[in-house]
């Protein structure tokens, strides 16, 4: 199938202190999150002068992908639209319409299948198309890529680099602690999110020959009485120290492809402070970001969608994810699968 453009769809983030509260109000609109919690999260942003790293990392990804497509094709223009902050999806689709784009392929900056990581982005696009009205571009999302060789190989190299950052005197018993954003258990029960994370954990640790590992969750934001995926990263690190499970940890945020505020605050600040207080050596693996293998993977996903005869690569036992999800997959909170 022919396409006129690539649309990079991301979460978005503030870039100044004045933008923090409006951004968080966008994120939390319609969700039962106390305002005190929102203000507490705002402090995470103020710790970095109100600037989330995600927008600049998205710009860097777009620049790297543009260079990759210029070298190897297909030479398609790249647009960028966010869920929660400028450039917002309706603004971007309106510009695409003005530019004559009729059909675009969307790369969503989330590797996994879940409501918040996949289906909600599809809903965002549909809502933006409704805002634009007649003539809004048709948008087809690229498949989930958690087990694509380009993602796995880039992740393996990032974790290997972090393992080398552990002090020599602490390398005798290092545990790789894979982290992902926690979601409500009710949401996780309706999708393959945990299964896919476990597959990435198995593939990366297997490639490294490093069986001492764990999968934990971070950045819970729901009401206190609502069950979310556990164990929490901070609780887990305390248990590692108390049980003498490891002499050091490498934190590998496999649930993120670039540095969100949750990565730089929850891991680089909170987890780092906790490890220092516990006397537990720690290194944090970089997210895949603009790793050449990851950027090459995005191009490969584009090519496979444009050419139905091309190979659909995937590692492990779960196989490549379908291009188009079935109607009832990954239901949102409160919906029945």
Protein backbone atom coordinates (compact mmCIF):
# COMPACT_ATOMS: atom_id res chain seq x y z
CA UNK A 1 0.00 0.00 0.00
CA UNK A 2 1.23 3.51 -0.77
CA UNK A 3 1.66 6.12 1.94
CA UNK A 4 2.37 9.86 1.74
CA UNK A 5 3.99 10.46 5.12
CA UNK A 6 5.14 9.12 8.49
CA UNK A 7 3.45 10.34 11.67
CA UNK A 8 5.40 10.00 14.93
CA UNK A 9 2.92 9.88 17.81
CA UNK A 10 4.22 10.44 21.31
CA UNK A 11 3.09 11.26 24.84
CA UNK A 12 4.36 14.83 24.96
CA UNK A 13 5.71 16.83 27.86
CA UNK A 14 6.15 20.37 29.18
CA UNK A 15 9.21 22.44 28.36
CA UNK A 16 8.90 25.17 31.00
CA UNK A 17 7.53 25.63 34.51
CA UNK A 18 4.49 27.51 33.18
CA UNK A 19 3.51 24.49 31.08
CA UNK A 20 3.66 21.87 33.86
CA UNK A 21 0.18 22.25 35.40
CA UNK A 22 -1.70 22.65 32.07
CA UNK A 23 0.17 19.59 30.77
CA UNK A 24 -0.69 17.48 33.83
CA UNK A 25 -4.33 18.60 33.66
CA UNK A 26 -4.37 17.32 30.08
CA UNK A 27 -2.84 14.00 31.12
CA UNK A 28 -5.24 13.49 34.03
CA UNK A 29 -8.45 14.78 32.45
CA UNK A 30 -11.24 12.29 33.15
CA UNK A 31 -9.15 10.26 35.58
CA UNK A 32 -9.85 9.90 39.28
CA UNK A 33 -6.50 11.25 40.48
CA UNK A 34 -6.51 13.59 43.52
CA UNK A 35 -5.19 17.10 42.86
CA UNK A 36 -2.65 16.60 45.67
CA UNK A 37 -1.16 13.75 43.65
CA UNK A 38 -0.99 15.95 40.54
CA UNK A 39 0.81 18.67 42.49
CA UNK A 40 3.25 16.10 43.88
CA UNK A 41 4.04 14.93 40.34
CA UNK A 42 4.45 18.58 39.28
CA UNK A 43 7.33 18.80 41.76
CA UNK A 44 9.13 16.10 39.76
CA UNK A 45 9.04 18.41 36.75
CA UNK A 46 10.04 21.47 38.77
CA UNK A 47 13.11 19.50 39.89
CA UNK A 48 14.19 19.83 36.23
CA UNK A 49 13.02 23.45 35.78
CA UNK A 50 9.71 22.23 34.34
CA UNK A 51 11.31 20.62 31.31
CA UNK A 52 10.56 17.01 30.44
CA UNK A 53 13.24 15.32 28.33
CA UNK A 54 10.69 13.56 26.13
CA UNK A 55 10.05 16.27 23.54
CA UNK A 56 13.73 16.78 22.76
CA UNK A 57 14.23 13.02 22.59
CA UNK A 58 11.33 12.82 20.14
CA UNK A 59 12.97 15.53 18.04
CA UNK A 60 16.22 13.55 18.09
CA UNK A 61 14.38 10.38 17.04
CA UNK A 62 12.67 12.20 14.16
CA UNK A 63 16.01 13.61 13.00
CA UNK A 64 17.65 10.16 13.12
CA UNK A 65 14.73 8.52 11.34
CA UNK A 66 14.71 11.24 8.70
CA UNK A 67 18.39 10.63 8.01
CA UNK A 68 17.77 6.87 7.83
CA UNK A 69 14.92 7.28 5.33
CA UNK A 70 16.96 9.75 3.29
CA UNK A 71 19.79 7.21 3.02
CA UNK A 72 17.78 4.04 2.48
CA UNK A 73 14.22 5.07 1.63
CA UNK A 74 11.35 5.34 1.48
CA UNK A 75 11.78 9.12 1.33
CA UNK A 76 8.66 10.25 3.12
CA UNK A 77 8.08 13.44 5.13
CA UNK A 78 7.83 12.97 8.90
CA UNK A 79 5.21 14.72 11.03
CA UNK A 80 4.95 14.75 14.83
CA UNK A 81 1.85 14.81 17.02
CA UNK A 82 1.50 14.31 20.79
CA UNK A 83 -1.29 13.02 22.99
CA UNK A 84 -0.90 15.52 25.80
CA UNK A 85 1.14 18.57 24.74
CA UNK A 86 2.18 20.58 21.74
CA UNK A 87 2.45 19.69 18.96
CA UNK A 88 -0.95 18.10 19.63
CA UNK A 89 -2.37 15.54 17.24
CA UNK A 90 -5.25 17.71 15.91
CA UNK A 91 -2.78 20.50 15.06
CA UNK A 92 -0.54 18.03 13.24
CA UNK A 93 -3.31 16.30 11.29
CA UNK A 94 -4.64 19.71 10.25
CA UNK A 95 -1.19 20.59 8.88
CA UNK A 96 -0.95 17.23 7.12
CA UNK A 97 -4.31 17.87 5.47
CA UNK A 98 -3.14 21.29 4.30
CA UNK A 99 0.01 19.67 2.87
CA UNK A 100 -2.05 17.20 0.86
CA UNK A 101 -1.25 14.08 2.90
CA UNK A 102 -3.97 11.51 2.30
CA UNK A 103 -2.59 8.41 4.01
CA UNK A 104 0.12 8.12 6.68
CA UNK A 105 1.85 5.41 8.71
CA UNK A 106 1.99 6.12 12.44
CA UNK A 107 4.93 5.13 14.63
CA UNK A 108 3.79 5.26 18.26
CA UNK A 109 6.57 5.60 20.83
CA UNK A 110 5.42 2.56 22.81
CA UNK A 111 6.68 -0.97 22.20
CA UNK A 112 3.92 -2.93 23.94
CA UNK A 113 0.25 -3.84 23.71
CA UNK A 114 -1.95 -2.26 26.37
CA UNK A 115 -4.77 0.25 26.50
CA UNK A 116 -2.54 3.20 27.39
CA UNK A 117 0.35 2.08 25.16
CA UNK A 118 -1.57 1.21 22.00
CA UNK A 119 -5.36 1.38 21.85
CA UNK A 120 -5.59 4.80 23.50
CA UNK A 121 -3.22 6.23 20.88
CA UNK A 122 -5.49 4.83 18.16
CA UNK A 123 -8.43 6.53 19.86
CA UNK A 124 -6.43 9.77 20.06
CA UNK A 125 -5.85 9.65 16.30
CA UNK A 126 -9.52 9.00 15.58
CA UNK A 127 -10.53 11.88 17.85
CA UNK A 128 -8.04 14.18 16.11
CA UNK A 129 -9.38 13.13 12.71
CA UNK A 130 -12.86 14.09 13.93
CA UNK A 131 -11.54 17.50 15.00
CA UNK A 132 -10.01 18.08 11.57
CA UNK A 133 -13.14 16.91 9.76
CA UNK A 134 -13.53 16.07 6.08
CA UNK A 135 -10.26 15.41 4.32
CA UNK A 136 -8.35 14.42 7.47
CA UNK A 137 -5.58 11.99 6.55
CA UNK A 138 -6.09 8.27 6.92
CA UNK A 139 -3.65 6.95 9.55
CA UNK A 140 -2.47 3.34 9.97
CA UNK A 141 -0.48 2.43 13.09
CA UNK A 142 2.67 0.30 12.78
CA UNK A 143 2.62 -2.91 14.79
CA UNK A 144 3.84 -3.34 18.37
CA UNK A 145 7.57 -4.06 18.22
CA UNK A 146 8.55 -5.36 21.67
CA UNK A 147 10.15 -8.51 20.22
CA UNK A 148 11.57 -7.08 17.00
CA UNK A 149 15.31 -7.86 16.70
CA UNK A 150 16.14 -4.16 16.34
CA UNK A 151 14.53 -3.31 19.69
CA UNK A 152 15.97 -6.34 21.48
CA UNK A 153 19.50 -5.91 20.12
CA UNK A 154 19.55 -2.20 20.95
CA UNK A 155 18.30 -2.99 24.47
CA UNK A 156 20.95 -5.68 24.92
CA UNK A 157 23.69 -3.19 24.03
CA UNK A 158 22.29 -0.55 26.39
CA UNK A 159 22.18 -3.03 29.29
CA UNK A 160 25.66 -4.34 28.49
CA UNK A 161 27.00 -0.77 28.66
CA UNK A 162 25.36 -0.30 32.08
CA UNK A 163 26.82 -3.57 33.37
CA UNK A 164 30.27 -2.16 32.58
CA UNK A 165 29.42 0.91 34.68
CA UNK A 166 29.11 -1.15 37.87
CA UNK A 167 32.25 -0.70 40.04
CA UNK A 168 34.61 -3.66 39.73
CA UNK A 169 34.39 -4.51 43.42
CA UNK A 170 30.58 -4.93 43.12
CA UNK A 171 30.44 -7.03 39.95
CA UNK A 172 30.42 -10.39 41.69
CA UNK A 173 26.63 -10.62 41.91
CA UNK A 174 24.82 -8.07 39.74
CA UNK A 175 21.08 -8.31 39.19
CA UNK A 176 19.44 -6.75 36.13
CA UNK A 177 16.22 -5.14 37.30
CA UNK A 178 13.95 -4.49 34.32
CA UNK A 179 11.40 -1.74 34.88
CA UNK A 180 8.16 -0.80 33.14
CA UNK A 181 5.37 1.63 33.89
CA UNK A 182 2.84 0.07 36.24
CA UNK A 183 -0.77 -0.08 35.06
CA UNK A 184 -3.97 -1.12 36.87
CA UNK A 185 -4.28 -4.88 37.29
CA UNK A 186 -7.72 -4.70 35.67
CA UNK A 187 -6.12 -3.18 32.56
CA UNK A 188 -3.25 -5.68 32.56
CA UNK A 189 -5.71 -8.58 32.76
CA UNK A 190 -7.22 -7.47 29.43
CA UNK A 191 -4.01 -7.39 27.38
CA UNK A 192 -0.62 -9.02 26.78
CA UNK A 193 1.43 -6.27 28.45
CA UNK A 194 2.97 -8.44 31.17
CA UNK A 195 3.50 -11.39 28.84
CA UNK A 196 5.35 -9.16 26.38
CA UNK A 197 7.51 -7.58 29.10
CA UNK A 198 8.43 -11.04 30.37
CA UNK A 199 9.41 -12.01 26.82
CA UNK A 200 11.70 -8.99 26.50
CA UNK A 201 13.24 -9.80 29.88
CA UNK A 202 13.90 -13.38 28.76
CA UNK A 203 15.31 -12.38 25.37
CA UNK A 204 17.64 -9.68 26.72
CA UNK A 205 18.94 -11.67 29.68
CA UNK A 206 19.38 -14.71 27.40
CA UNK A 207 21.42 -12.69 24.91
CA UNK A 208 23.58 -11.38 27.75
CA UNK A 209 23.92 -14.78 29.42
CA UNK A 210 22.79 -13.14 32.65
CA UNK A 211 20.04 -15.16 34.40
CA UNK A 212 20.05 -13.07 37.60
CA UNK A 213 17.21 -10.69 36.77
CA UNK A 214 13.81 -9.41 37.84
CA UNK A 215 10.87 -7.50 36.34
CA UNK A 216 9.43 -4.70 38.47
CA UNK A 217 7.16 -1.71 37.98
CA UNK A 218 7.41 2.01 38.56
CA UNK A 219 5.47 5.28 38.43
CA UNK A 220 2.14 4.09 39.80
CA UNK A 221 -0.37 6.95 39.72
CA UNK A 222 -3.78 5.51 40.59
CA UNK A 223 -6.01 5.73 43.65
CA UNK A 224 -4.52 4.00 46.73
CA UNK A 225 -7.22 1.31 46.86
CA UNK A 226 -6.88 0.27 43.21
CA UNK A 227 -4.59 -2.72 42.56
CA UNK A 228 -1.69 -1.93 40.19
CA UNK A 229 1.08 -4.15 38.89
CA UNK A 230 3.78 -4.89 41.48
CA UNK A 231 6.44 -5.10 42.86
CA UNK A 232 7.21 -1.40 42.97
CA UNK A 233 10.81 -0.55 42.13
CA UNK A 234 11.60 1.10 45.47
CA UNK A 235 10.05 -1.69 47.53
CA UNK A 236 11.96 -4.21 45.44
CA UNK A 237 15.32 -2.48 45.92
CA UNK A 238 14.81 -2.51 49.69
CA UNK A 239 14.09 -6.26 49.49
CA UNK A 240 17.23 -6.85 47.40
CA UNK A 241 19.36 -5.24 50.10
CA UNK A 242 17.53 -6.85 53.02
CA UNK A 243 17.77 -10.32 51.47
CA UNK A 244 21.32 -9.90 50.20
CA UNK A 245 20.01 -10.83 46.75
CA UNK A 246 22.70 -8.91 44.85
CA UNK A 247 25.78 -6.78 45.40
CA UNK A 248 24.68 -4.34 42.69
CA UNK A 249 21.77 -3.65 40.36
CA UNK A 250 21.43 -2.44 36.79
CA UNK A 251 18.09 -0.71 36.26
CA UNK A 252 16.90 -1.28 32.70
CA UNK A 253 13.76 0.71 31.76
CA UNK A 254 12.55 -1.61 29.01
CA UNK A 255 9.03 -0.20 29.26
CA UNK A 256 10.22 3.11 27.75
CA UNK A 257 11.91 3.80 24.41
CA UNK A 258 13.15 7.24 25.49
CA UNK A 259 13.65 9.16 28.71
CA UNK A 260 10.29 10.20 30.14
CA UNK A 261 10.10 12.15 33.38
CA UNK A 262 9.34 8.80 35.03
CA UNK A 263 12.78 7.55 33.95
CA UNK A 264 14.84 10.55 34.96
CA UNK A 265 13.00 11.21 38.23
CA UNK A 266 11.79 7.81 39.45
CA UNK A 267 15.03 6.03 38.53
CA UNK A 268 17.80 8.61 38.28
CA UNK A 269 16.67 10.56 41.35
CA UNK A 270 14.47 8.44 43.67
CA UNK A 271 15.96 5.01 42.98
CA UNK A 272 19.48 6.43 42.93
CA UNK A 273 18.97 8.14 46.30
CA UNK A 274 17.55 4.94 47.77
CA UNK A 275 20.43 2.80 46.48
CA UNK A 276 22.95 5.28 47.85
CA UNK A 277 21.26 5.19 51.27
CA UNK A 278 21.23 1.37 51.20
CA UNK A 279 24.84 1.08 50.08
CA UNK A 280 23.69 -0.80 46.96
CA UNK A 281 25.72 -0.12 43.82
CA UNK A 282 23.53 0.89 40.90
CA UNK A 283 23.78 1.77 37.22
CA UNK A 284 20.92 2.80 34.95
CA UNK A 285 20.79 1.50 31.39
CA UNK A 286 19.97 4.06 28.72
CA UNK A 287 16.70 3.74 26.86
CA UNK A 288 17.06 2.69 23.21
CA UNK A 289 16.55 6.30 22.07
CA UNK A 290 18.34 6.82 18.75
CA UNK A 291 20.38 3.63 18.81
CA UNK A 292 21.11 2.83 15.13
CA UNK A 293 19.57 -0.65 15.39
CA UNK A 294 16.38 0.81 16.80
CA UNK A 295 16.15 3.50 14.13
CA UNK A 296 16.77 0.82 11.50
CA UNK A 297 13.91 -1.16 13.04
CA UNK A 298 11.49 1.73 12.51
CA UNK A 299 12.42 1.87 8.85
CA UNK A 300 11.97 -1.90 8.61
CA UNK A 301 8.47 -1.64 10.09
CA UNK A 302 7.61 1.02 7.52
CA UNK A 303 8.93 -1.08 4.64
CA UNK A 304 7.12 -4.22 5.74
CA UNK A 305 3.83 -2.33 5.90
CA UNK A 306 4.30 -0.85 2.44
CA UNK A 307 5.38 -4.16 0.91
CA UNK A 308 3.18 -7.10 1.93
CA UNK A 309 5.81 -9.56 0.69
CA UNK A 310 8.58 -8.36 3.02
CA UNK A 311 9.73 -10.35 6.05
CA UNK A 312 8.06 -9.63 9.40
CA UNK A 313 10.85 -10.24 11.89
CA UNK A 314 10.31 -11.14 15.54
CA UNK A 315 12.31 -12.99 18.18
CA UNK A 316 11.05 -15.47 20.74
CA UNK A 317 7.87 -17.48 20.90
CA UNK A 318 5.17 -14.80 20.58
CA UNK A 319 5.75 -13.99 16.92
CA UNK A 320 5.10 -10.66 15.18
CA UNK A 321 2.11 -8.69 16.37
CA UNK A 322 -0.71 -8.18 13.89
CA UNK A 323 -0.88 -4.91 11.98
CA UNK A 324 -4.52 -4.35 12.88
CA UNK A 325 -5.72 -5.30 16.35
CA UNK A 326 -8.99 -7.14 16.82
CA UNK A 327 -11.86 -4.91 17.92
CA UNK A 328 -12.02 -6.13 21.54
CA UNK A 329 -8.28 -6.10 22.33
CA UNK A 330 -6.72 -4.05 25.14
CA UNK A 331 -9.94 -2.61 26.65
CA UNK A 332 -9.65 0.56 28.65
CA UNK A 333 -10.29 0.94 32.38
CA UNK A 334 -13.77 -0.25 33.34
CA UNK A 335 -14.39 -1.99 30.04
CA UNK A 336 -15.03 -5.69 29.64
CA UNK A 337 -12.85 -7.68 27.31
